Amino acid sequence: MDLKEIQSLIKFVARSGASEVKLEMEDVKITIKTGGDDEKRGETTTYVQQIPVNQAMPQPQMLPQTSAPAPAAETPAPAATEENSKYITIKSPIIGTFYRRPSPDKPNFVEVGDTISQGDVLCIIEAMKLFNEIESEISGKVVKILAEESSPVEFDQPLFLVDPS
């Protein structure tokens, strides 16, 4: 997570009125706290604590194997990764709840196979009772929808696969 993303997250938390937000990713753990005595004076102070999650751990010693190794279960995965590498992943810019349509009685914004243009609304993410329309930054064809309706999504979580060609 770079400095610009952290600053953006701090601004979002400050505007939301939340007193504390914790975010854990695979390599970083961030805690943002706002409020305290400063809030009584009309000021908001934000504290960010960044803790590396993957600290150096002693490596387990390798023991000689006496039985034959099990066949690798991940052989299809590299083929799927290569197949998906030609697609662009649209990721969630915020933490919230993912919705594919503007309201329960309306159709979905996009379906698999739909052609999208830059600026088209793909979904809504609700965060702190605010409904944020997520617009496409690219043009292409929707290949796969990776998030489930009404499910929680994390920052930078993949939502859509788009074929730009």
C-alpha atoms as a PDB file:
ATOM      1  CA  MET A   1       0.000   0.000   0.000  1.00  0.00           C
ATOM      2  CA  ASP A   2       1.574   3.289  -1.037  1.00  0.00           C
ATOM      3  CA  LEU A   3       1.478   6.676   0.663  1.00  0.00           C
ATOM      4  CA  LYS A   4      -1.181   8.090  -1.673  1.00  0.00           C
ATOM      5  CA  GLU A   5      -3.580   5.213  -0.865  1.00  0.00           C
ATOM      6  CA  ILE A   6      -2.970   5.664   2.877  1.00  0.00           C
ATOM      7  CA  GLN A   7      -3.655   9.405   2.628  1.00  0.00           C
ATOM      8  CA  SER A   8      -6.850   8.727   0.690  1.00  0.00           C
ATOM      9  CA  LEU A   9      -7.956   6.231   3.341  1.00  0.00           C
ATOM     10  CA  ILE A  10      -7.237   8.746   6.125  1.00  0.00           C
ATOM     11  CA  LYS A  11      -9.365  11.394   4.382  1.00  0.00           C
ATOM     12  CA  PHE A  12     -12.207   8.899   3.885  1.00  0.00           C
ATOM     13  CA  VAL A  13     -12.153   7.867   7.559  1.00  0.00           C
ATOM     14  CA  ALA A  14     -12.036  11.497   8.729  1.00  0.00           C
ATOM     15  CA  ARG A  15     -15.069  12.401   6.579  1.00  0.00           C
ATOM     16  CA  SER A  16     -16.994   9.306   7.642  1.00  0.00           C
ATOM     17  CA  GLY A  17     -16.986  10.197  11.323  1.00  0.00           C
ATOM     18  CA  ALA A  18     -15.651   6.785  12.363  1.00  0.00           C
ATOM     19  CA  SER A  19     -13.497   6.854  15.476  1.00  0.00           C
ATOM     20  CA  GLU A  20     -11.276   3.914  14.557  1.00  0.00           C
ATOM     21  CA  VAL A  21     -10.610   1.781  11.465  1.00  0.00           C
ATOM     22  CA  LYS A  22      -8.309  -1.229  11.272  1.00  0.00           C
ATOM     23  CA  LEU A  23      -7.133  -2.601   7.927  1.00  0.00           C
ATOM     24  CA  GLU A  24      -5.070  -5.752   7.572  1.00  0.00           C
ATOM     25  CA  MET A  25      -3.603  -6.755   4.232  1.00  0.00           C
ATOM     26  CA  GLU A  26      -1.159  -9.513   3.455  1.00  0.00           C
ATOM     27  CA  ASP A  27       1.932  -7.387   4.193  1.00  0.00           C
ATOM     28  CA  VAL A  28       0.680  -4.392   6.199  1.00  0.00           C
ATOM     29  CA  LYS A  29      -1.556  -3.739   9.195  1.00  0.00           C
ATOM     30  CA  ILE A  30      -2.912  -0.184   9.517  1.00  0.00           C
ATOM     31  CA  THR A  31      -4.912   1.333  12.354  1.00  0.00           C
ATOM     32  CA  ILE A  32      -6.441   4.803  11.911  1.00  0.00           C
ATOM     33  CA  LYS A  33      -7.838   6.504  15.022  1.00  0.00           C
ATOM     34  CA  THR A  34      -9.595   9.861  15.011  1.00  0.00           C
ATOM     35  CA  GLY A  35     -11.065  11.960  17.790  1.00  0.00           C
ATOM     36  CA  GLY A  36     -10.053  12.236  21.408  1.00  0.00           C
ATOM     37  CA  ASP A  37      -9.673  15.571  23.270  1.00  0.00           C
ATOM     38  CA  ASP A  38      -9.011  17.438  20.016  1.00  0.00           C
ATOM     39  CA  GLU A  39     -12.514  16.585  18.769  1.00  0.00           C
ATOM     40  CA  LYS A  40     -14.051  18.616  21.618  1.00  0.00           C
ATOM     41  CA  ARG A  41     -12.250  21.681  20.254  1.00  0.00           C
ATOM     42  CA  GLY A  42     -13.541  21.000  16.725  1.00  0.00           C
ATOM     43  CA  GLU A  43     -10.295  19.468  15.526  1.00  0.00           C
ATOM     44  CA  THR A  44      -9.662  15.936  14.347  1.00  0.00           C
ATOM     45  CA  THR A  45      -6.321  14.242  14.856  1.00  0.00           C
ATOM     46  CA  THR A  46      -5.538  11.142  12.864  1.00  0.00           C
ATOM     47  CA  TYR A  47      -3.019   8.541  13.992  1.00  0.00           C
ATOM     48  CA  VAL A  48      -1.715   5.915  11.591  1.00  0.00           C
ATOM     49  CA  GLN A  49       0.167   2.891  12.768  1.00  0.00           C
ATOM     50  CA  GLN A  50       1.749   0.729  10.083  1.00  0.00           C
ATOM     51  CA  ILE A  51       3.041  -2.622  11.289  1.00  0.00           C
ATOM     52  CA  PRO A  52       4.720  -5.100   8.933  1.00  0.00           C
ATOM     53  CA  VAL A  53       2.791  -8.357   9.196  1.00  0.00           C
ATOM     54  CA  ASN A  54       5.413 -10.693   7.715  1.00  0.00           C
ATOM     55  CA  GLN A  55       8.256 -10.438  10.183  1.00  0.00           C
ATOM     56  CA  ALA A  56      11.290 -12.680   9.885  1.00  0.00           C
ATOM     57  CA  MET A  57      10.333 -16.024  11.365  1.00  0.00           C
ATOM     58  CA  PRO A  58      12.741 -18.888  11.976  1.00  0.00           C
ATOM     59  CA  GLN A  59      12.435 -21.323   9.103  1.00  0.00           C
ATOM     60  CA  PRO A  60      11.422 -24.885   9.986  1.00  0.00           C
ATOM     61  CA  GLN A  61      14.070 -27.458   9.312  1.00  0.00           C
ATOM     62  CA  MET A  62      13.447 -29.721   6.364  1.00  0.00           C
ATOM     63  CA  LEU A  63      13.188 -33.385   7.250  1.00  0.00           C
ATOM     64  CA  PRO A  64      14.034 -36.016   4.663  1.00  0.00           C
ATOM     65  CA  GLN A  65      10.930 -37.442   3.014  1.00  0.00           C
ATOM     66  CA  THR A  66      10.577 -41.191   3.162  1.00  0.00           C
ATOM     67  CA  SER A  67       7.369 -41.469   1.145  1.00  0.00           C
ATOM     68  CA  ALA A  68       6.678 -40.344  -2.402  1.00  0.00           C
ATOM     69  CA  PRO A  69       5.494 -36.755  -2.656  1.00  0.00           C
ATOM     70  CA  ALA A  70       1.797 -36.200  -3.293  1.00  0.00           C
ATOM     71  CA  PRO A  71       0.905 -35.018  -6.799  1.00  0.00           C
ATOM     72  CA  ALA A  72       0.679 -31.224  -7.069  1.00  0.00           C
ATOM     73  CA  ALA A  73      -2.930 -30.101  -6.761  1.00  0.00           C
ATOM     74  CA  GLU A  74      -2.209 -26.681  -8.240  1.00  0.00           C
ATOM     75  CA  THR A  75      -1.366 -27.697 -11.804  1.00  0.00           C
ATOM     76  CA  PRO A  76      -4.575 -26.207 -13.308  1.00  0.00           C
ATOM     77  CA  ALA A  77      -4.043 -22.885 -11.480  1.00  0.00           C
ATOM     78  CA  PRO A  78      -1.123 -21.631 -13.617  1.00  0.00           C
ATOM     79  CA  ALA A  79      -3.160 -22.289 -16.767  1.00  0.00           C
ATOM     80  CA  ALA A  80      -6.057 -20.282 -15.319  1.00  0.00           C
ATOM     81  CA  THR A  81      -3.680 -17.473 -14.336  1.00  0.00           C
ATOM     82  CA  GLU A  82      -2.208 -17.353 -17.842  1.00  0.00           C
ATOM     83  CA  GLU A  83      -5.726 -17.335 -19.289  1.00  0.00           C
ATOM     84  CA  ASN A  84      -6.774 -14.443 -17.020  1.00  0.00           C
ATOM     85  CA  SER A  85      -3.566 -12.451 -17.598  1.00  0.00           C
ATOM     86  CA  LYS A  86      -4.977 -10.918 -20.780  1.00  0.00           C
ATOM     87  CA  TYR A  87      -7.861  -9.439 -18.763  1.00  0.00           C
ATOM     88  CA  ILE A  88      -7.862  -6.277 -16.669  1.00  0.00           C
ATOM     89  CA  THR A  89      -9.083  -6.578 -13.091  1.00  0.00           C
ATOM     90  CA  ILE A  90     -11.314  -3.817 -11.752  1.00  0.00           C
ATOM     91  CA  LYS A  91     -10.800  -3.584  -7.996  1.00  0.00           C
ATOM     92  CA  SER A  92     -12.768  -2.031  -5.168  1.00  0.00           C
ATOM     93  CA  PRO A  93     -11.531   1.465  -4.308  1.00  0.00           C
ATOM     94  CA  ILE A  94     -13.134   1.324  -0.832  1.00  0.00           C
ATOM     95  CA  ILE A  95     -14.331  -1.013   1.910  1.00  0.00           C
ATOM     96  CA  GLY A  96     -18.077  -1.620   1.948  1.00  0.00           C
ATOM     97  CA  THR A  97     -20.981  -3.726   0.714  1.00  0.00           C
ATOM     98  CA  PHE A  98     -21.103  -4.641  -2.998  1.00  0.00           C
ATOM     99  CA  TYR A  99     -24.348  -4.171  -4.949  1.00  0.00           C
ATOM    100  CA  ARG A 100     -24.789  -4.978  -8.658  1.00  0.00           C
ATOM    101  CA  ARG A 101     -27.942  -2.871  -9.103  1.00  0.00           C
ATOM    102  CA  PRO A 102     -29.161   0.558  -7.947  1.00  0.00           C
ATOM    103  CA  SER A 103     -32.170  -0.893  -6.070  1.00  0.00           C
ATOM    104  CA  PRO A 104     -33.793  -4.313  -5.605  1.00  0.00           C
ATOM    105  CA  ASP A 105     -36.446  -3.635  -8.260  1.00  0.00           C
ATOM    106  CA  LYS A 106     -33.967  -2.414 -10.931  1.00  0.00           C
ATOM    107  CA  PRO A 107     -31.804  -4.485 -13.314  1.00  0.00           C
ATOM    108  CA  ASN A 108     -28.075  -5.059 -12.719  1.00  0.00           C
ATOM    109  CA  PHE A 109     -25.691  -2.361 -13.955  1.00  0.00           C
ATOM    110  CA  VAL A 110     -23.664  -4.909 -15.973  1.00  0.00           C
ATOM    111  CA  GLU A 111     -23.807  -8.598 -16.806  1.00  0.00           C
ATOM    112  CA  VAL A 112     -21.143 -11.003 -18.055  1.00  0.00           C
ATOM    113  CA  GLY A 113     -20.728 -10.371 -21.779  1.00  0.00           C
ATOM    114  CA  ASP A 114     -21.772  -6.699 -21.641  1.00  0.00           C
ATOM    115  CA  THR A 115     -19.590  -4.151 -23.426  1.00  0.00           C
ATOM    116  CA  ILE A 116     -18.638  -1.268 -21.159  1.00  0.00           C
ATOM    117  CA  SER A 117     -17.117   2.142 -21.803  1.00  0.00           C
ATOM    118  CA  GLN A 118     -14.989   4.371 -19.643  1.00  0.00           C
ATOM    119  CA  GLY A 119     -17.267   6.127 -17.130  1.00  0.00           C
ATOM    120  CA  ASP A 120     -20.021   3.472 -17.138  1.00  0.00           C
ATOM    121  CA  VAL A 121     -21.337   2.602 -13.659  1.00  0.00           C
ATOM    122  CA  LEU A 122     -20.442  -1.031 -12.859  1.00  0.00           C
ATOM    123  CA  CYS A 123     -21.758  -1.375  -9.305  1.00  0.00           C
ATOM    124  CA  ILE A 124     -22.426   0.423  -6.044  1.00  0.00           C
ATOM    125  CA  ILE A 125     -20.421   0.021  -2.862  1.00  0.00           C
ATOM    126  CA  GLU A 126     -22.161   1.122   0.320  1.00  0.00           C
ATOM    127  CA  ALA A 127     -19.839   2.467   2.980  1.00  0.00           C
ATOM    128  CA  MET A 128     -21.076   4.177   6.144  1.00  0.00           C
ATOM    129  CA  LYS A 129     -24.621   4.527   4.702  1.00  0.00           C
ATOM    130  CA  LEU A 130     -23.215   6.280   1.604  1.00  0.00           C
ATOM    131  CA  PHE A 131     -23.825   4.646  -1.767  1.00  0.00           C
ATOM    132  CA  ASN A 132     -20.764   5.091  -3.993  1.00  0.00           C
ATOM    133  CA  GLU A 133     -21.148   4.411  -7.724  1.00  0.00           C
ATOM    134  CA  ILE A 134     -18.088   2.626  -9.051  1.00  0.00           C
ATOM    135  CA  GLU A 135     -17.343   3.678 -12.616  1.00  0.00           C
ATOM    136  CA  SER A 136     -15.211   1.868 -15.154  1.00  0.00           C
ATOM    137  CA  GLU A 137     -11.834   3.407 -15.919  1.00  0.00           C
ATOM    138  CA  ILE A 138     -11.497   1.279 -19.066  1.00  0.00           C
ATOM    139  CA  SER A 139     -13.535   0.148 -22.043  1.00  0.00           C
ATOM    140  CA  GLY A 140     -14.019  -3.511 -22.894  1.00  0.00           C
ATOM    141  CA  LYS A 141     -16.194  -6.571 -22.352  1.00  0.00           C
ATOM    142  CA  VAL A 142     -17.124  -7.919 -18.907  1.00  0.00           C
ATOM    143  CA  VAL A 143     -15.731 -11.463 -18.705  1.00  0.00           C
ATOM    144  CA  LYS A 144     -16.414 -12.339 -15.056  1.00  0.00           C
ATOM    145  CA  ILE A 145     -18.042 -10.822 -11.977  1.00  0.00           C
ATOM    146  CA  LEU A 146     -15.924 -11.770  -8.961  1.00  0.00           C
ATOM    147  CA  ALA A 147     -18.013 -10.424  -6.054  1.00  0.00           C
ATOM    148  CA  GLU A 148     -21.372 -11.676  -4.802  1.00  0.00           C
ATOM    149  CA  GLU A 149     -24.445  -9.448  -4.493  1.00  0.00           C
ATOM    150  CA  SER A 150     -24.760  -7.819  -1.040  1.00  0.00           C
ATOM    151  CA  SER A 151     -21.415  -9.206   0.102  1.00  0.00           C
ATOM    152  CA  PRO A 152     -18.772  -7.239   2.000  1.00  0.00           C
ATOM    153  CA  VAL A 153     -15.740  -6.211  -0.060  1.00  0.00           C
ATOM    154  CA  GLU A 154     -12.314  -5.036   1.053  1.00  0.00           C
ATOM    155  CA  PHE A 155     -10.169  -2.243  -0.336  1.00  0.00           C
ATOM    156  CA  ASP A 156      -8.416  -3.400  -3.532  1.00  0.00           C
ATOM    157  CA  GLN A 157     -10.508  -6.604  -3.752  1.00  0.00           C
ATOM    158  CA  PRO A 158     -11.049  -7.739  -7.372  1.00  0.00           C
ATOM    159  CA  LEU A 159     -14.654  -7.123  -8.506  1.00  0.00           C
ATOM    160  CA  PHE A 160     -14.683  -7.610 -12.293  1.00  0.00           C
ATOM    161  CA  LEU A 161     -12.531  -9.102 -15.054  1.00  0.00           C
ATOM    162  CA  VAL A 162     -12.681  -7.081 -18.289  1.00  0.00           C
ATOM    163  CA  ASP A 163     -11.320  -7.995 -21.714  1.00  0.00           C
ATOM    164  CA  PRO A 164      -9.999  -4.705 -23.145  1.00  0.00           C
ATOM    165  CA  SER A 165      -9.686  -5.996 -26.723  1.00  0.00           C
END
